[in-house]
Amino acid sequence: MAAITMRLPVARKAVGPSAPRGGEKHLVAPGDTITTDTGYMRGHGTYVDEEKLIASVAGAVERVNKLVCVRALKTRYNGEVGDIVVGRITEVQQKRWKVETNSRLDSVLLLSSMNLPGGELRRRSAEDELAMRDYLQEADLISAEVQSVFSDGALSLHTRSLKYGKLGQGVLVQVSPSFVKRQKTHFHDLPCGASVILGNNGFIWIYPTPEQKDEEAGGFTTSLEPVPLSDREVISRLRNCIVALVTQKLMLFDTSILYCYEASLPHQIKDILKPEVMEEIVLETRQRLLDLEG
């Protein structure tokens, strides 16, 4: 029989404001009237009924001059050029790979848009095309950058930098893309001994921080050495902290993850996912973030 955990009711603590300074966002639900002014242009997430602009999705209202749209709170990933993504190879095709990136359509990684092993730069030959499955095959995980967006919304990726490429041993966490904060860099070596790649598409990769960067590999050699128990514990704790932050609706970036990790240290790794512990450590994280802003 599985163990059953029973908890007594506890009084909930008052949660301070977590919205960014500068005012609350205008949130709407489907069917809410956004405006009755006829001078506005209808954008995504809206429709017109009886000369009223009405929301068709739940989200935040955004206005750009006369254009009004609603950015959905929970949606598939809509890629932009320059985004960092973590994806899974789903298919090997002629001169390209199909990649699952949590968007409406599979993304594309062209053979010409990647580094060859060793980082050499040259035109791709027929031999390279035949060896495509040796580089990347189905179910492999990669980190990449969005190079362009096709007319149908599909993304074209590239891995032309040595910081991108095939991912080795680690843990993948899937969250809503709306929880990943846009930053200058999405590759973070945390002081706790692990590293994270915060994909803009909501795929987060947690892995042991490598002792030395292998610049000669060109992003294709993955270490299959056993991961020490201490590193596995750090990765597991980080994974549970990310789940806790998302459950409590807090944005994910390097500082919030690190603060949550430090707040969780008095607790066992498996206890982090208990509702009362989750609420306690995220409340402490939120307070530290507010103090940092102040």
Protein backbone atom coordinates (compact mmCIF):
# COMPACT_ATOMS: atom_id res chain seq x y z
CA MET A 1 0.00 0.00 0.00
CA ALA A 2 1.11 3.51 -0.76
CA ALA A 3 1.81 5.79 2.20
CA ILE A 4 -0.89 8.37 2.92
CA THR A 5 0.07 11.83 4.16
CA MET A 6 -2.52 13.57 6.35
CA ARG A 7 -2.29 17.27 7.22
CA LEU A 8 -4.19 19.39 9.70
CA PRO A 9 -5.75 22.64 8.48
CA VAL A 10 -3.55 25.71 8.92
CA ALA A 11 -4.24 29.41 8.64
CA ARG A 12 -2.94 30.83 5.38
CA LYS A 13 -0.43 33.63 5.58
CA ALA A 14 -1.22 36.96 3.95
CA VAL A 15 0.71 37.22 0.69
CA GLY A 16 2.14 40.59 -0.20
CA PRO A 17 1.80 42.13 -3.65
CA SER A 18 3.91 40.25 -6.18
CA ALA A 19 3.02 42.34 -9.22
CA PRO A 20 5.78 44.50 -10.66
CA ARG A 21 5.87 48.10 -9.50
CA GLY A 22 4.19 50.43 -11.93
CA GLY A 23 0.58 49.24 -11.68
CA GLU A 24 -1.48 46.10 -12.09
CA LYS A 25 -1.99 44.65 -15.54
CA HIS A 26 -5.52 44.76 -16.90
CA LEU A 27 -6.58 41.10 -16.76
CA VAL A 28 -9.67 39.83 -18.59
CA ALA A 29 -11.56 36.55 -18.91
CA PRO A 30 -13.30 35.24 -22.05
CA GLY A 31 -16.45 37.28 -22.68
CA ASP A 32 -15.29 40.37 -20.77
CA THR A 33 -15.81 43.70 -22.52
CA ILE A 34 -12.48 45.43 -23.09
CA THR A 35 -13.80 48.69 -24.52
CA THR A 36 -16.90 50.16 -26.18
CA ASP A 37 -14.86 52.73 -28.11
CA THR A 38 -15.21 52.07 -31.85
CA GLY A 39 -11.89 53.76 -32.64
CA TYR A 40 -9.79 50.76 -31.60
CA MET A 41 -8.37 48.10 -33.96
CA ARG A 42 -9.07 44.45 -33.10
CA GLY A 43 -5.97 42.35 -32.35
CA HIS A 44 -5.31 38.73 -31.34
CA GLY A 45 -7.49 37.35 -28.55
CA THR A 46 -10.42 39.71 -29.21
CA TYR A 47 -13.62 39.88 -31.25
CA VAL A 48 -16.32 42.49 -31.92
CA ASP A 49 -19.94 42.03 -30.87
CA GLU A 50 -22.55 44.80 -30.96
CA GLU A 51 -19.82 47.41 -31.42
CA LYS A 52 -18.04 46.22 -28.25
CA LEU A 53 -14.52 44.80 -28.21
CA ILE A 54 -14.66 41.53 -26.24
CA ALA A 55 -11.89 39.19 -25.02
CA SER A 56 -11.89 35.67 -26.46
CA VAL A 57 -9.13 34.35 -24.16
CA ALA A 58 -8.05 34.86 -20.54
CA GLY A 59 -5.02 37.11 -20.34
CA ALA A 60 -3.55 40.59 -20.07
CA VAL A 61 -4.77 43.42 -22.28
CA GLU A 62 -2.02 45.07 -24.32
CA ARG A 63 -2.45 48.31 -26.25
CA VAL A 64 -0.15 49.60 -28.98
CA ASN A 65 -1.53 52.91 -30.22
CA LYS A 66 -4.99 51.95 -31.56
CA LEU A 67 -4.35 48.20 -31.64
CA VAL A 68 -5.77 46.22 -28.72
CA CYS A 69 -4.93 42.55 -28.16
CA VAL A 70 -5.03 40.06 -25.30
CA ARG A 71 -1.88 38.09 -24.49
CA ALA A 72 -3.10 34.72 -23.23
CA LEU A 73 -1.81 33.63 -19.82
CA LYS A 74 -1.63 29.99 -20.88
CA THR A 75 -0.78 29.30 -24.48
CA ARG A 76 1.54 27.51 -26.83
CA TYR A 77 4.95 29.08 -27.40
CA ASN A 78 5.02 31.90 -29.97
CA GLY A 79 8.66 32.21 -30.97
CA GLU A 80 10.58 35.39 -31.72
CA VAL A 81 13.93 35.78 -33.44
CA GLY A 82 16.77 35.50 -30.90
CA ASP A 83 14.86 33.36 -28.39
CA ILE A 84 16.75 30.54 -26.67
CA VAL A 85 14.85 27.25 -26.82
CA VAL A 86 15.29 23.69 -25.61
CA GLY A 87 13.76 21.12 -27.98
CA ARG A 88 13.50 17.42 -28.74
CA ILE A 89 14.30 15.93 -32.16
CA THR A 90 11.17 14.24 -33.53
CA GLU A 91 12.17 13.40 -37.11
CA VAL A 92 15.23 13.28 -39.37
CA GLN A 93 14.42 14.56 -42.87
CA GLN A 94 16.38 15.51 -45.94
CA LYS A 95 18.92 18.18 -44.93
CA ARG A 96 16.90 19.06 -41.81
CA TRP A 97 15.65 17.89 -38.43
CA LYS A 98 12.15 18.44 -37.06
CA VAL A 99 12.19 19.67 -33.45
CA GLU A 100 9.40 19.74 -30.86
CA THR A 101 9.60 23.15 -29.13
CA ASN A 102 6.18 23.43 -27.45
CA SER A 103 4.88 25.61 -30.29
CA ARG A 104 1.91 25.03 -32.59
CA LEU A 105 4.09 23.58 -35.35
CA ASP A 106 7.33 21.59 -35.24
CA SER A 107 10.42 23.76 -35.59
CA VAL A 108 13.11 23.13 -38.21
CA LEU A 109 16.88 22.80 -37.74
CA LEU A 110 18.61 22.86 -41.13
CA LEU A 111 21.81 20.91 -41.68
CA SER A 112 23.41 24.16 -42.87
CA SER A 113 22.36 25.96 -39.65
CA MET A 114 24.49 23.92 -37.27
CA ASN A 115 28.13 23.49 -36.32
CA LEU A 116 29.79 20.34 -37.54
CA PRO A 117 31.60 18.22 -34.91
CA GLY A 118 34.84 19.98 -34.04
CA GLY A 119 33.32 23.33 -34.99
CA GLU A 120 34.77 23.29 -38.53
CA LEU A 121 33.23 25.68 -41.05
CA ARG A 122 32.65 24.36 -44.59
CA ARG A 123 29.89 23.63 -47.05
CA ARG A 124 27.75 20.59 -46.22
CA SER A 125 28.40 17.60 -48.49
CA ALA A 126 26.42 14.47 -49.36
CA GLU A 127 28.48 12.59 -46.75
CA ASP A 128 27.28 15.04 -44.07
CA GLU A 129 23.70 14.43 -45.16
CA LEU A 130 24.14 10.67 -44.87
CA ALA A 131 25.66 11.08 -41.39
CA MET A 132 22.84 13.28 -40.04
CA ARG A 133 21.56 10.59 -37.68
CA ASP A 134 25.08 10.24 -36.24
CA TYR A 135 24.91 13.91 -35.19
CA LEU A 136 21.32 14.05 -33.92
CA GLN A 137 18.66 11.36 -33.90
CA GLU A 138 15.08 11.02 -32.72
CA ALA A 139 14.49 11.81 -29.01
CA ASP A 140 17.78 13.74 -28.63
CA LEU A 141 17.48 17.01 -26.71
CA ILE A 142 19.15 20.16 -28.03
CA SER A 143 19.53 23.80 -27.10
CA ALA A 144 19.25 26.27 -29.98
CA GLU A 145 18.42 29.83 -30.95
CA VAL A 146 15.50 30.97 -33.11
CA GLN A 147 16.97 32.19 -36.39
CA SER A 148 13.77 33.15 -38.23
CA VAL A 149 10.01 32.63 -38.25
CA PHE A 150 8.34 31.19 -41.35
CA SER A 151 5.13 32.68 -42.75
CA ASP A 152 3.04 29.87 -41.20
CA GLY A 153 4.51 30.53 -37.73
CA ALA A 154 6.98 27.61 -37.71
CA LEU A 155 10.43 28.39 -36.32
CA SER A 156 13.81 27.97 -37.99
CA LEU A 157 16.54 27.20 -35.46
CA HIS A 158 20.33 27.35 -35.51
CA THR A 159 23.10 25.98 -33.30
CA ARG A 160 26.04 27.86 -34.81
CA SER A 161 27.53 28.78 -31.44
CA LEU A 162 29.45 26.27 -29.30
CA LYS A 163 27.18 27.04 -26.34
CA TYR A 164 24.31 25.39 -28.24
CA GLY A 165 24.05 21.78 -29.33
CA LYS A 166 23.15 18.35 -28.03
CA LEU A 167 22.26 18.07 -24.34
CA GLY A 168 23.69 15.27 -22.22
CA GLN A 169 22.69 14.14 -18.75
CA GLY A 170 20.19 16.17 -16.81
CA VAL A 171 16.51 16.74 -16.08
CA LEU A 172 13.91 18.36 -18.32
CA VAL A 173 11.10 20.39 -16.71
CA GLN A 174 8.19 21.57 -18.84
CA VAL A 175 6.31 24.71 -17.75
CA SER A 176 4.11 27.30 -19.43
CA PRO A 177 6.25 29.70 -21.54
CA SER A 178 4.55 32.65 -19.79
CA PHE A 179 6.48 31.83 -16.58
CA VAL A 180 9.95 32.21 -18.17
CA LYS A 181 11.23 35.76 -17.80
CA ARG A 182 13.06 37.19 -20.83
CA GLN A 183 16.67 38.05 -19.98
CA LYS A 184 19.93 38.85 -21.74
CA THR A 185 21.15 35.31 -21.11
CA HIS A 186 19.20 32.13 -20.44
CA PHE A 187 22.26 29.98 -19.57
CA HIS A 188 22.99 30.14 -15.84
CA ASP A 189 25.68 28.39 -13.78
CA LEU A 190 24.18 28.53 -10.30
CA PRO A 191 26.49 28.63 -7.23
CA CYS A 192 24.75 25.54 -5.80
CA GLY A 193 26.65 23.32 -8.28
CA ALA A 194 24.19 22.90 -11.14
CA SER A 195 23.36 24.82 -14.29
CA VAL A 196 20.04 25.63 -15.94
CA ILE A 197 18.97 26.56 -19.44
CA LEU A 198 15.73 28.54 -19.23
CA GLY A 199 14.20 27.99 -22.65
CA ASN A 200 11.82 30.75 -23.76
CA ASN A 201 9.54 27.95 -24.94
CA GLY A 202 8.95 26.68 -21.38
CA PHE A 203 11.39 23.74 -21.59
CA ILE A 204 13.94 24.04 -18.76
CA TRP A 205 17.08 21.89 -18.68
CA ILE A 206 18.88 21.29 -15.37
CA TYR A 207 22.30 19.61 -15.51
CA PRO A 208 25.54 19.29 -13.51
CA THR A 209 27.87 22.24 -14.07
CA PRO A 210 30.72 20.91 -16.26
CA GLU A 211 34.17 21.21 -14.73
CA GLN A 212 35.59 22.46 -18.00
CA LYS A 213 34.03 23.63 -21.23
CA ASP A 214 34.81 21.30 -24.13
CA GLU A 215 35.27 23.76 -26.99
CA GLU A 216 36.52 21.11 -29.41
CA ALA A 217 33.37 19.02 -29.37
CA GLY A 218 31.21 21.44 -31.33
CA GLY A 219 28.24 20.57 -29.17
CA PHE A 220 27.99 16.87 -30.05
CA THR A 221 29.88 14.87 -27.43
CA THR A 222 27.85 14.10 -24.32
CA SER A 223 29.36 12.73 -21.14
CA LEU A 224 27.88 9.41 -20.05
CA GLU A 225 29.89 9.22 -16.82
CA PRO A 226 27.82 8.45 -13.69
CA VAL A 227 26.56 11.64 -12.04
CA PRO A 228 27.57 11.83 -8.34
CA LEU A 229 24.80 11.54 -5.76
CA SER A 230 25.46 15.08 -4.48
CA ASP A 231 24.87 16.51 -7.98
CA ARG A 232 21.72 14.44 -8.43
CA GLU A 233 20.36 15.76 -5.14
CA VAL A 234 21.04 19.38 -6.18
CA ILE A 235 19.34 18.80 -9.55
CA SER A 236 16.32 17.15 -7.88
CA ARG A 237 16.00 20.02 -5.41
CA LEU A 238 16.20 22.59 -8.21
CA ARG A 239 13.57 20.68 -10.18
CA ASN A 240 11.15 20.67 -7.23
CA CYS A 241 11.85 24.36 -6.57
CA ILE A 242 10.94 25.23 -10.17
CA VAL A 243 7.71 23.22 -9.86
CA ALA A 244 6.94 25.06 -6.60
CA LEU A 245 7.55 28.50 -8.17
CA VAL A 246 5.29 27.71 -11.13
CA THR A 247 2.55 26.27 -8.88
CA GLN A 248 2.62 29.50 -6.82
CA LYS A 249 2.62 31.62 -10.01
CA LEU A 250 6.08 33.21 -9.63
CA MET A 251 8.25 34.07 -12.64
CA LEU A 252 11.30 31.92 -13.37
CA PHE A 253 14.72 33.54 -13.67
CA ASP A 254 18.11 32.84 -12.14
CA THR A 255 17.57 34.92 -8.97
CA SER A 256 14.10 33.55 -8.14
CA ILE A 257 15.29 29.95 -8.65
CA LEU A 258 18.38 30.50 -6.47
CA TYR A 259 16.38 32.21 -3.68
CA CYS A 260 13.83 29.38 -3.75
CA TYR A 261 16.64 26.81 -3.61
CA GLU A 262 18.15 28.50 -0.55
CA ALA A 263 14.74 28.75 1.14
CA SER A 264 14.17 25.01 0.57
CA LEU A 265 17.43 23.85 2.20
CA PRO A 266 15.89 23.23 5.68
CA HIS A 267 13.43 20.79 4.06
CA GLN A 268 13.82 17.34 2.55
CA ILE A 269 13.77 17.28 -1.26
CA LYS A 270 10.55 15.25 -1.42
CA ASP A 271 8.84 17.58 1.08
CA ILE A 272 9.22 20.63 -1.19
CA LEU A 273 6.16 19.53 -3.17
CA LYS A 274 3.91 19.43 -0.08
CA PRO A 275 1.46 22.36 -0.34
CA GLU A 276 2.31 23.97 3.01
CA VAL A 277 6.10 23.70 2.44
CA MET A 278 5.72 24.94 -1.14
CA GLU A 279 3.75 27.96 0.07
CA GLU A 280 6.29 28.72 2.81
CA ILE A 281 9.42 28.66 0.64
CA VAL A 282 7.81 30.59 -2.24
CA LEU A 283 6.52 33.22 0.20
CA GLU A 284 10.07 33.66 1.50
CA THR A 285 11.37 33.82 -2.09
CA ARG A 286 8.78 36.43 -3.04
CA GLN A 287 9.66 38.54 -0.01
CA ARG A 288 13.39 38.43 -0.81
CA LEU A 289 12.67 39.48 -4.39
CA LEU A 290 10.54 42.42 -3.18
CA ASP A 291 13.34 43.44 -0.77
CA LEU A 292 15.81 43.26 -3.66
CA GLU A 293 13.63 45.55 -5.78
CA GLY A 294 13.19 47.96 -2.89
